[in-house]
Amino acid sequence: MSDPDEPRPRDLDPPAGGDGGTAAGAASERAASSVPESPRDDSPPTAATMAMVVYILYLVGLASGVAALFGVVLAYVYRPAAAGSWTESHIRYQIRTWWLGLLLLAAGIVLAALLIWIPILIFFFVWAAVRSIKGLGALGRREPIADPDTLFW
């Protein structure tokens, strides 16, 4: 439990009306209002910020698949927060990118016996990079993905 005597940020604000309306009271009110209540920002990350993090994790995931796994988990976690906003199409695009990429990699593994897995792997890397970079660009312009259900880009 917290200490009841410990001042909270709202307890540090001067009382309404200052010290009766004097010039010193007005100056102290202005000074107090310019000081932030808390040195840290505890607000949760926005869906747009998390969409950017997911795109970056997908790009890092091209070198380490674990990063892409973290990316898709974040996309699923922040999908409800993005519902109804312009970032919803980004989250949907990211989730589809994960599942389609997994399908491509599985096809490459199955076709490894036929020695045609190298072109599939090259296609996967180009495809995933283009989708992530395209998504980052649209996110930077604060635009939704035109067709989040597309197979390509």
N, C-alpha and C. Protein backbone atom coordinates (compact mmCIF):
# COMPACT_ATOMS: atom_id res chain seq x y z
N MET A 1 0.84 -1.18 0.00
CA MET A 1 0.00 0.00 0.00
C MET A 1 0.89 1.24 0.00
N SER A 2 0.35 2.34 -0.49
CA SER A 2 1.13 3.56 -0.53
C SER A 2 0.99 4.31 0.78
N ASP A 3 1.96 5.14 1.09
CA ASP A 3 1.98 5.94 2.31
C ASP A 3 0.97 7.07 2.16
N PRO A 4 -0.01 7.19 3.07
CA PRO A 4 -1.03 8.24 2.93
C PRO A 4 -0.45 9.65 3.09
N ASP A 5 0.72 9.78 3.74
CA ASP A 5 1.33 11.10 3.91
C ASP A 5 2.17 11.50 2.70
N GLU A 6 2.42 10.57 1.80
CA GLU A 6 3.24 10.87 0.63
C GLU A 6 2.44 11.75 -0.33
N PRO A 7 3.01 12.90 -0.74
CA PRO A 7 2.24 13.79 -1.63
C PRO A 7 2.05 13.16 -3.00
N ARG A 8 0.86 13.32 -3.50
CA ARG A 8 0.54 12.88 -4.85
C ARG A 8 0.63 14.09 -5.77
N PRO A 9 0.81 13.91 -7.09
CA PRO A 9 0.96 15.07 -7.98
C PRO A 9 -0.17 16.07 -7.86
N ARG A 10 -1.42 15.64 -7.73
CA ARG A 10 -2.50 16.61 -7.64
C ARG A 10 -2.48 17.36 -6.31
N ASP A 11 -1.86 16.75 -5.26
CA ASP A 11 -1.76 17.42 -3.98
C ASP A 11 -0.72 18.53 -4.02
N LEU A 12 0.17 18.51 -4.99
CA LEU A 12 1.21 19.51 -5.08
C LEU A 12 0.74 20.77 -5.80
N ASP A 13 -0.39 20.72 -6.49
CA ASP A 13 -0.91 21.88 -7.19
C ASP A 13 -1.36 22.92 -6.16
N PRO A 14 -1.18 24.23 -6.50
CA PRO A 14 -1.65 25.25 -5.56
C PRO A 14 -3.17 25.23 -5.49
N PRO A 15 -3.75 25.61 -4.37
CA PRO A 15 -5.21 25.63 -4.26
C PRO A 15 -5.78 26.65 -5.24
N ALA A 16 -7.01 26.42 -5.64
CA ALA A 16 -7.67 27.35 -6.56
C ALA A 16 -7.72 28.73 -5.94
N GLY A 17 -7.41 29.73 -6.75
CA GLY A 17 -7.45 31.10 -6.25
C GLY A 17 -6.10 31.58 -5.75
N GLY A 18 -5.10 30.74 -5.69
CA GLY A 18 -3.76 31.16 -5.29
C GLY A 18 -3.75 31.71 -3.88
N ASP A 19 -3.16 32.91 -3.71
CA ASP A 19 -3.11 33.52 -2.39
C ASP A 19 -3.94 34.79 -2.34
N GLY A 20 -5.12 34.73 -2.95
CA GLY A 20 -6.00 35.87 -2.89
C GLY A 20 -5.89 36.78 -4.10
N GLY A 21 -5.20 36.38 -5.13
CA GLY A 21 -5.15 37.15 -6.36
C GLY A 21 -4.02 38.14 -6.44
N THR A 22 -3.02 38.06 -5.59
CA THR A 22 -1.90 38.98 -5.66
C THR A 22 -1.02 38.62 -6.84
N ALA A 23 -0.12 39.52 -7.19
CA ALA A 23 0.80 39.29 -8.31
C ALA A 23 1.70 38.10 -8.02
N ALA A 24 2.12 37.97 -6.75
CA ALA A 24 2.98 36.84 -6.39
C ALA A 24 2.21 35.53 -6.52
N GLY A 25 0.92 35.54 -6.15
CA GLY A 25 0.10 34.34 -6.28
C GLY A 25 -0.09 33.95 -7.73
N ALA A 26 -0.30 34.92 -8.60
CA ALA A 26 -0.48 34.65 -10.03
C ALA A 26 0.80 34.10 -10.62
N ALA A 27 1.95 34.66 -10.20
CA ALA A 27 3.24 34.17 -10.72
C ALA A 27 3.49 32.74 -10.26
N SER A 28 3.16 32.44 -9.01
CA SER A 28 3.38 31.08 -8.53
C SER A 28 2.44 30.09 -9.21
N GLU A 29 1.21 30.52 -9.53
CA GLU A 29 0.29 29.65 -10.27
C GLU A 29 0.81 29.35 -11.67
N ARG A 30 1.36 30.39 -12.35
CA ARG A 30 1.93 30.18 -13.69
C ARG A 30 3.11 29.22 -13.62
N ALA A 31 3.97 29.41 -12.61
CA ALA A 31 5.14 28.54 -12.48
C ALA A 31 4.71 27.11 -12.20
N ALA A 32 3.70 26.95 -11.35
CA ALA A 32 3.24 25.60 -11.02
C ALA A 32 2.58 24.94 -12.21
N SER A 33 1.89 25.72 -13.04
CA SER A 33 1.22 25.11 -14.18
C SER A 33 2.19 24.71 -15.28
N SER A 34 3.41 25.30 -15.29
CA SER A 34 4.37 24.93 -16.33
C SER A 34 5.19 23.70 -15.94
N VAL A 35 5.10 23.27 -14.69
CA VAL A 35 5.82 22.10 -14.22
C VAL A 35 4.97 20.87 -14.48
N PRO A 36 5.52 19.85 -15.14
CA PRO A 36 4.71 18.65 -15.37
C PRO A 36 4.38 17.97 -14.06
N GLU A 37 3.19 17.33 -14.04
CA GLU A 37 2.76 16.64 -12.82
C GLU A 37 3.66 15.47 -12.47
N SER A 38 4.13 14.78 -13.48
CA SER A 38 4.91 13.57 -13.24
C SER A 38 6.11 13.55 -14.18
N PRO A 39 7.28 13.14 -13.71
CA PRO A 39 8.44 13.11 -14.60
C PRO A 39 8.35 12.00 -15.66
N ARG A 40 7.50 10.98 -15.45
CA ARG A 40 7.38 9.91 -16.44
C ARG A 40 5.99 9.93 -17.04
N ASP A 41 5.93 9.44 -18.25
CA ASP A 41 4.66 9.33 -18.95
C ASP A 41 4.22 7.88 -18.86
N ASP A 42 3.19 7.61 -18.09
CA ASP A 42 2.72 6.24 -17.89
C ASP A 42 1.60 5.86 -18.86
N SER A 43 1.36 6.69 -19.88
CA SER A 43 0.27 6.37 -20.80
C SER A 43 0.66 5.16 -21.65
N PRO A 44 -0.33 4.33 -21.99
CA PRO A 44 -0.02 3.14 -22.79
C PRO A 44 0.36 3.55 -24.21
N PRO A 45 1.16 2.74 -24.88
CA PRO A 45 1.53 3.07 -26.25
C PRO A 45 0.30 3.05 -27.16
N THR A 46 0.32 3.90 -28.16
CA THR A 46 -0.81 3.95 -29.07
C THR A 46 -0.73 2.80 -30.07
N ALA A 47 -1.84 2.55 -30.73
CA ALA A 47 -1.87 1.50 -31.74
C ALA A 47 -0.92 1.82 -32.88
N ALA A 48 -0.78 3.10 -33.23
CA ALA A 48 0.15 3.48 -34.31
C ALA A 48 1.60 3.19 -33.92
N THR A 49 1.94 3.48 -32.67
CA THR A 49 3.30 3.19 -32.20
C THR A 49 3.56 1.69 -32.22
N MET A 50 2.59 0.93 -31.76
CA MET A 50 2.77 -0.52 -31.74
C MET A 50 2.82 -1.10 -33.15
N ALA A 51 2.05 -0.53 -34.08
CA ALA A 51 2.12 -0.99 -35.47
C ALA A 51 3.52 -0.75 -36.02
N MET A 52 4.13 0.39 -35.69
CA MET A 52 5.49 0.66 -36.13
C MET A 52 6.46 -0.34 -35.52
N VAL A 53 6.29 -0.64 -34.26
CA VAL A 53 7.16 -1.62 -33.59
C VAL A 53 7.03 -2.98 -34.27
N VAL A 54 5.81 -3.37 -34.63
CA VAL A 54 5.60 -4.67 -35.28
C VAL A 54 6.30 -4.70 -36.63
N TYR A 55 6.18 -3.64 -37.43
CA TYR A 55 6.87 -3.60 -38.72
C TYR A 55 8.38 -3.74 -38.54
N ILE A 56 8.92 -3.04 -37.54
CA ILE A 56 10.36 -3.13 -37.29
C ILE A 56 10.74 -4.53 -36.83
N LEU A 57 9.92 -5.13 -35.98
CA LEU A 57 10.20 -6.50 -35.54
C LEU A 57 10.16 -7.47 -36.71
N TYR A 58 9.26 -7.25 -37.66
CA TYR A 58 9.21 -8.10 -38.85
C TYR A 58 10.48 -7.96 -39.67
N LEU A 59 10.98 -6.74 -39.81
CA LEU A 59 12.23 -6.55 -40.56
C LEU A 59 13.40 -7.20 -39.83
N VAL A 60 13.46 -7.04 -38.52
CA VAL A 60 14.51 -7.70 -37.73
C VAL A 60 14.31 -9.22 -37.80
N GLY A 61 13.07 -9.65 -37.88
CA GLY A 61 12.75 -11.07 -37.95
C GLY A 61 13.27 -11.75 -39.21
N LEU A 62 13.61 -10.97 -40.23
CA LEU A 62 14.21 -11.58 -41.42
C LEU A 62 15.57 -12.17 -41.09
N ALA A 63 16.21 -11.64 -40.06
CA ALA A 63 17.49 -12.20 -39.62
C ALA A 63 17.30 -13.14 -38.44
N SER A 64 16.25 -12.90 -37.65
CA SER A 64 15.98 -13.73 -36.48
C SER A 64 14.48 -13.93 -36.39
N GLY A 65 14.02 -15.10 -36.68
CA GLY A 65 12.59 -15.39 -36.70
C GLY A 65 11.87 -15.11 -35.39
N VAL A 66 12.60 -15.12 -34.28
CA VAL A 66 11.99 -14.89 -32.97
C VAL A 66 11.41 -13.48 -32.90
N ALA A 67 12.08 -12.51 -33.49
CA ALA A 67 11.58 -11.13 -33.46
C ALA A 67 10.24 -11.04 -34.18
N ALA A 68 10.09 -11.74 -35.28
CA ALA A 68 8.82 -11.73 -36.01
C ALA A 68 7.72 -12.37 -35.17
N LEU A 69 8.05 -13.38 -34.41
CA LEU A 69 7.07 -14.01 -33.52
C LEU A 69 6.58 -13.01 -32.48
N PHE A 70 7.50 -12.24 -31.90
CA PHE A 70 7.10 -11.20 -30.95
C PHE A 70 6.23 -10.16 -31.66
N GLY A 71 6.54 -9.87 -32.91
CA GLY A 71 5.76 -8.91 -33.67
C GLY A 71 4.32 -9.34 -33.84
N VAL A 72 4.09 -10.58 -34.23
CA VAL A 72 2.72 -11.04 -34.44
C VAL A 72 1.95 -11.11 -33.11
N VAL A 73 2.63 -11.44 -32.04
CA VAL A 73 1.97 -11.44 -30.73
C VAL A 73 1.52 -10.02 -30.38
N LEU A 74 2.39 -9.04 -30.60
CA LEU A 74 2.02 -7.65 -30.34
C LEU A 74 0.85 -7.21 -31.23
N ALA A 75 0.86 -7.64 -32.48
CA ALA A 75 -0.23 -7.29 -33.39
C ALA A 75 -1.56 -7.83 -32.86
N TYR A 76 -1.55 -9.06 -32.40
CA TYR A 76 -2.78 -9.63 -31.85
C TYR A 76 -3.19 -8.92 -30.56
N VAL A 77 -2.23 -8.55 -29.72
CA VAL A 77 -2.54 -7.88 -28.46
C VAL A 77 -3.15 -6.50 -28.71
N TYR A 78 -2.62 -5.77 -29.68
CA TYR A 78 -3.08 -4.41 -29.93
C TYR A 78 -4.20 -4.32 -30.98
N ARG A 79 -4.66 -5.45 -31.49
CA ARG A 79 -5.76 -5.43 -32.46
C ARG A 79 -7.02 -4.79 -31.87
N PRO A 80 -7.44 -5.09 -30.64
CA PRO A 80 -8.63 -4.42 -30.10
C PRO A 80 -8.44 -2.91 -29.95
N ALA A 81 -7.25 -2.46 -29.62
CA ALA A 81 -7.00 -1.02 -29.45
C ALA A 81 -7.08 -0.29 -30.78
N ALA A 82 -6.80 -0.98 -31.88
CA ALA A 82 -6.81 -0.36 -33.20
C ALA A 82 -8.18 -0.43 -33.87
N ALA A 83 -9.10 -1.19 -33.30
CA ALA A 83 -10.42 -1.39 -33.93
C ALA A 83 -11.10 -0.05 -34.18
N GLY A 84 -11.56 0.12 -35.41
CA GLY A 84 -12.28 1.32 -35.79
C GLY A 84 -11.41 2.51 -36.13
N SER A 85 -10.09 2.38 -36.03
CA SER A 85 -9.20 3.49 -36.36
C SER A 85 -8.46 3.20 -37.67
N TRP A 86 -7.72 4.18 -38.14
CA TRP A 86 -6.98 4.01 -39.39
C TRP A 86 -5.86 2.98 -39.23
N THR A 87 -5.45 2.68 -38.01
CA THR A 87 -4.39 1.69 -37.81
C THR A 87 -4.91 0.25 -37.86
N GLU A 88 -6.22 0.08 -37.86
CA GLU A 88 -6.78 -1.27 -37.91
C GLU A 88 -6.31 -2.02 -39.16
N SER A 89 -6.23 -1.33 -40.30
CA SER A 89 -5.79 -1.99 -41.53
C SER A 89 -4.33 -2.41 -41.43
N HIS A 90 -3.51 -1.65 -40.69
CA HIS A 90 -2.11 -2.02 -40.51
C HIS A 90 -1.99 -3.30 -39.69
N ILE A 91 -2.76 -3.38 -38.62
CA ILE A 91 -2.71 -4.56 -37.76
C ILE A 91 -3.17 -5.79 -38.55
N ARG A 92 -4.24 -5.64 -39.31
CA ARG A 92 -4.74 -6.76 -40.12
C ARG A 92 -3.68 -7.19 -41.16
N TYR A 93 -3.06 -6.21 -41.80
CA TYR A 93 -2.00 -6.46 -42.79
C TYR A 93 -0.82 -7.20 -42.14
N GLN A 94 -0.46 -6.78 -40.93
CA GLN A 94 0.65 -7.42 -40.24
C GLN A 94 0.34 -8.86 -39.86
N ILE A 95 -0.87 -9.10 -39.40
CA ILE A 95 -1.25 -10.47 -39.03
C ILE A 95 -1.27 -11.36 -40.26
N ARG A 96 -1.81 -10.84 -41.37
CA ARG A 96 -1.82 -11.61 -42.62
C ARG A 96 -0.40 -11.84 -43.13
N THR A 97 0.47 -10.85 -42.96
CA THR A 97 1.86 -11.01 -43.38
C THR A 97 2.50 -12.17 -42.62
N TRP A 98 2.24 -12.27 -41.35
CA TRP A 98 2.79 -13.36 -40.54
C TRP A 98 2.33 -14.72 -41.06
N TRP A 99 1.00 -14.88 -41.20
CA TRP A 99 0.47 -16.19 -41.58
C TRP A 99 0.83 -16.56 -43.02
N LEU A 100 0.80 -15.60 -43.94
CA LEU A 100 1.21 -15.91 -45.31
C LEU A 100 2.70 -16.22 -45.39
N GLY A 101 3.50 -15.50 -44.61
CA GLY A 101 4.93 -15.78 -44.56
C GLY A 101 5.22 -17.16 -44.00
N LEU A 102 4.48 -17.53 -42.98
CA LEU A 102 4.65 -18.87 -42.41
C LEU A 102 4.29 -19.94 -43.43
N LEU A 103 3.23 -19.69 -44.20
CA LEU A 103 2.84 -20.61 -45.26
C LEU A 103 3.92 -20.72 -46.33
N LEU A 104 4.51 -19.59 -46.72
CA LEU A 104 5.59 -19.61 -47.70
C LEU A 104 6.80 -20.40 -47.19
N LEU A 105 7.16 -20.17 -45.94
CA LEU A 105 8.30 -20.90 -45.37
C LEU A 105 8.00 -22.40 -45.27
N ALA A 106 6.77 -22.75 -44.92
CA ALA A 106 6.40 -24.17 -44.85
C ALA A 106 6.48 -24.79 -46.25
N ALA A 107 6.03 -24.06 -47.26
CA ALA A 107 6.12 -24.57 -48.63
C ALA A 107 7.58 -24.76 -49.03
N GLY A 108 8.43 -23.85 -48.63
CA GLY A 108 9.86 -23.99 -48.92
C GLY A 108 10.47 -25.21 -48.26
N ILE A 109 10.05 -25.49 -47.04
CA ILE A 109 10.57 -26.67 -46.34
C ILE A 109 10.10 -27.95 -47.03
N VAL A 110 8.82 -27.99 -47.40
CA VAL A 110 8.28 -29.17 -48.08
C VAL A 110 8.98 -29.39 -49.42
N LEU A 111 9.24 -28.29 -50.11
CA LEU A 111 9.85 -28.40 -51.44
C LEU A 111 11.38 -28.47 -51.39
N ALA A 112 11.95 -28.50 -50.21
CA ALA A 112 13.40 -28.60 -50.09
C ALA A 112 13.92 -29.89 -50.70
N ALA A 113 13.12 -30.93 -50.64
CA ALA A 113 13.54 -32.21 -51.23
C ALA A 113 13.68 -32.10 -52.74
N LEU A 114 12.93 -31.17 -53.34
CA LEU A 114 13.00 -30.99 -54.79
C LEU A 114 14.02 -29.92 -55.18
N LEU A 115 14.73 -29.39 -54.21
CA LEU A 115 15.77 -28.37 -54.42
C LEU A 115 15.25 -27.09 -55.06
N ILE A 116 13.97 -26.77 -54.84
CA ILE A 116 13.45 -25.48 -55.32
C ILE A 116 13.10 -24.56 -54.15
N TRP A 117 13.66 -24.86 -53.00
CA TRP A 117 13.38 -24.06 -51.83
C TRP A 117 14.13 -22.73 -51.85
N ILE A 118 15.25 -22.65 -52.57
CA ILE A 118 16.03 -21.41 -52.59
C ILE A 118 15.25 -20.27 -53.24
N PRO A 119 14.63 -20.47 -54.42
CA PRO A 119 13.83 -19.37 -54.97
C PRO A 119 12.65 -18.98 -54.06
N ILE A 120 12.07 -19.96 -53.39
CA ILE A 120 10.96 -19.65 -52.48
C ILE A 120 11.47 -18.83 -51.30
N LEU A 121 12.63 -19.18 -50.78
CA LEU A 121 13.20 -18.45 -49.66
C LEU A 121 13.57 -17.02 -50.07
N ILE A 122 14.15 -16.86 -51.24
CA ILE A 122 14.48 -15.52 -51.75
C ILE A 122 13.20 -14.70 -51.91
N PHE A 123 12.16 -15.31 -52.50
CA PHE A 123 10.90 -14.62 -52.67
C PHE A 123 10.33 -14.20 -51.32
N PHE A 124 10.41 -15.09 -50.33
CA PHE A 124 9.90 -14.78 -49.00
C PHE A 124 10.59 -13.54 -48.42
N PHE A 125 11.92 -13.49 -48.49
CA PHE A 125 12.65 -12.36 -47.92
C PHE A 125 12.27 -11.05 -48.61
N VAL A 126 12.20 -11.06 -49.94
CA VAL A 126 11.82 -9.86 -50.68
C VAL A 126 10.38 -9.46 -50.35
N TRP A 127 9.49 -10.45 -50.37
CA TRP A 127 8.07 -10.21 -50.10
C TRP A 127 7.87 -9.61 -48.71
N ALA A 128 8.48 -10.22 -47.70
CA ALA A 128 8.31 -9.74 -46.32
C ALA A 128 8.93 -8.35 -46.14
N ALA A 129 10.07 -8.11 -46.73
CA ALA A 129 10.71 -6.80 -46.62
C ALA A 129 9.87 -5.71 -47.29
N VAL A 130 9.36 -5.99 -48.49
CA VAL A 130 8.56 -5.00 -49.20
C VAL A 130 7.27 -4.70 -48.44
N ARG A 131 6.61 -5.73 -47.92
CA ARG A 131 5.37 -5.50 -47.16
C ARG A 131 5.64 -4.67 -45.90
N SER A 132 6.73 -4.94 -45.22
CA SER A 132 7.04 -4.19 -44.00
C SER A 132 7.42 -2.75 -44.32
N ILE A 133 8.22 -2.55 -45.35
CA ILE A 133 8.63 -1.20 -45.71
C ILE A 133 7.44 -0.39 -46.24
N LYS A 134 6.60 -1.04 -47.04
CA LYS A 134 5.39 -0.37 -47.53
C LYS A 134 4.49 0.02 -46.36
N GLY A 135 4.34 -0.85 -45.41
CA GLY A 135 3.52 -0.56 -44.24
C GLY A 135 4.09 0.58 -43.40
N LEU A 136 5.41 0.58 -43.21
CA LEU A 136 6.05 1.67 -42.47
C LEU A 136 5.84 3.01 -43.16
N GLY A 137 5.93 3.00 -44.50
CA GLY A 137 5.71 4.24 -45.25
C GLY A 137 4.30 4.77 -45.07
N ALA A 138 3.32 3.89 -45.20
CA ALA A 138 1.92 4.31 -45.03
C ALA A 138 1.68 4.76 -43.59
N LEU A 139 2.28 4.08 -42.65
CA LEU A 139 2.12 4.45 -41.24
C LEU A 139 2.72 5.83 -40.99
N GLY A 140 3.88 6.10 -41.58
CA GLY A 140 4.51 7.41 -41.43
C GLY A 140 3.67 8.53 -42.02
N ARG A 141 2.92 8.23 -43.07
CA ARG A 141 2.02 9.22 -43.67
C ARG A 141 0.66 9.24 -42.97
N ARG A 142 0.50 8.38 -41.98
CA ARG A 142 -0.76 8.24 -41.22
C ARG A 142 -1.92 7.85 -42.14
N GLU A 143 -1.63 6.93 -43.04
CA GLU A 143 -2.63 6.42 -43.98
C GLU A 143 -2.89 4.95 -43.68
N PRO A 144 -4.12 4.50 -43.89
CA PRO A 144 -4.39 3.06 -43.74
C PRO A 144 -3.81 2.29 -44.94
N ILE A 145 -3.68 0.99 -44.78
CA ILE A 145 -3.27 0.14 -45.89
C ILE A 145 -4.47 0.04 -46.83
N ALA A 146 -4.24 0.30 -48.11
CA ALA A 146 -5.35 0.32 -49.07
C ALA A 146 -6.09 -1.01 -49.12
N ASP A 147 -5.36 -2.10 -49.19
CA ASP A 147 -5.98 -3.43 -49.24
C ASP A 147 -5.21 -4.37 -48.30
N PRO A 148 -5.60 -4.42 -47.03
CA PRO A 148 -4.84 -5.25 -46.08
C PRO A 148 -4.97 -6.75 -46.35
N ASP A 149 -5.90 -7.16 -47.20
CA ASP A 149 -6.09 -8.58 -47.49
C ASP A 149 -5.32 -9.05 -48.71
N THR A 150 -4.52 -8.19 -49.31
CA THR A 150 -3.79 -8.55 -50.51
C THR A 150 -2.72 -9.62 -50.21
N LEU A 151 -2.45 -10.43 -51.20
CA LEU A 151 -1.40 -11.44 -51.02
C LEU A 151 -0.01 -10.88 -51.27
N PHE A 152 0.06 -9.85 -52.06
CA PHE A 152 1.38 -9.32 -52.40
C PHE A 152 1.61 -8.01 -51.67
N TRP A 153 1.76 -6.93 -52.35
CA TRP A 153 2.02 -5.66 -51.69
C TRP A 153 1.20 -4.60 -52.32
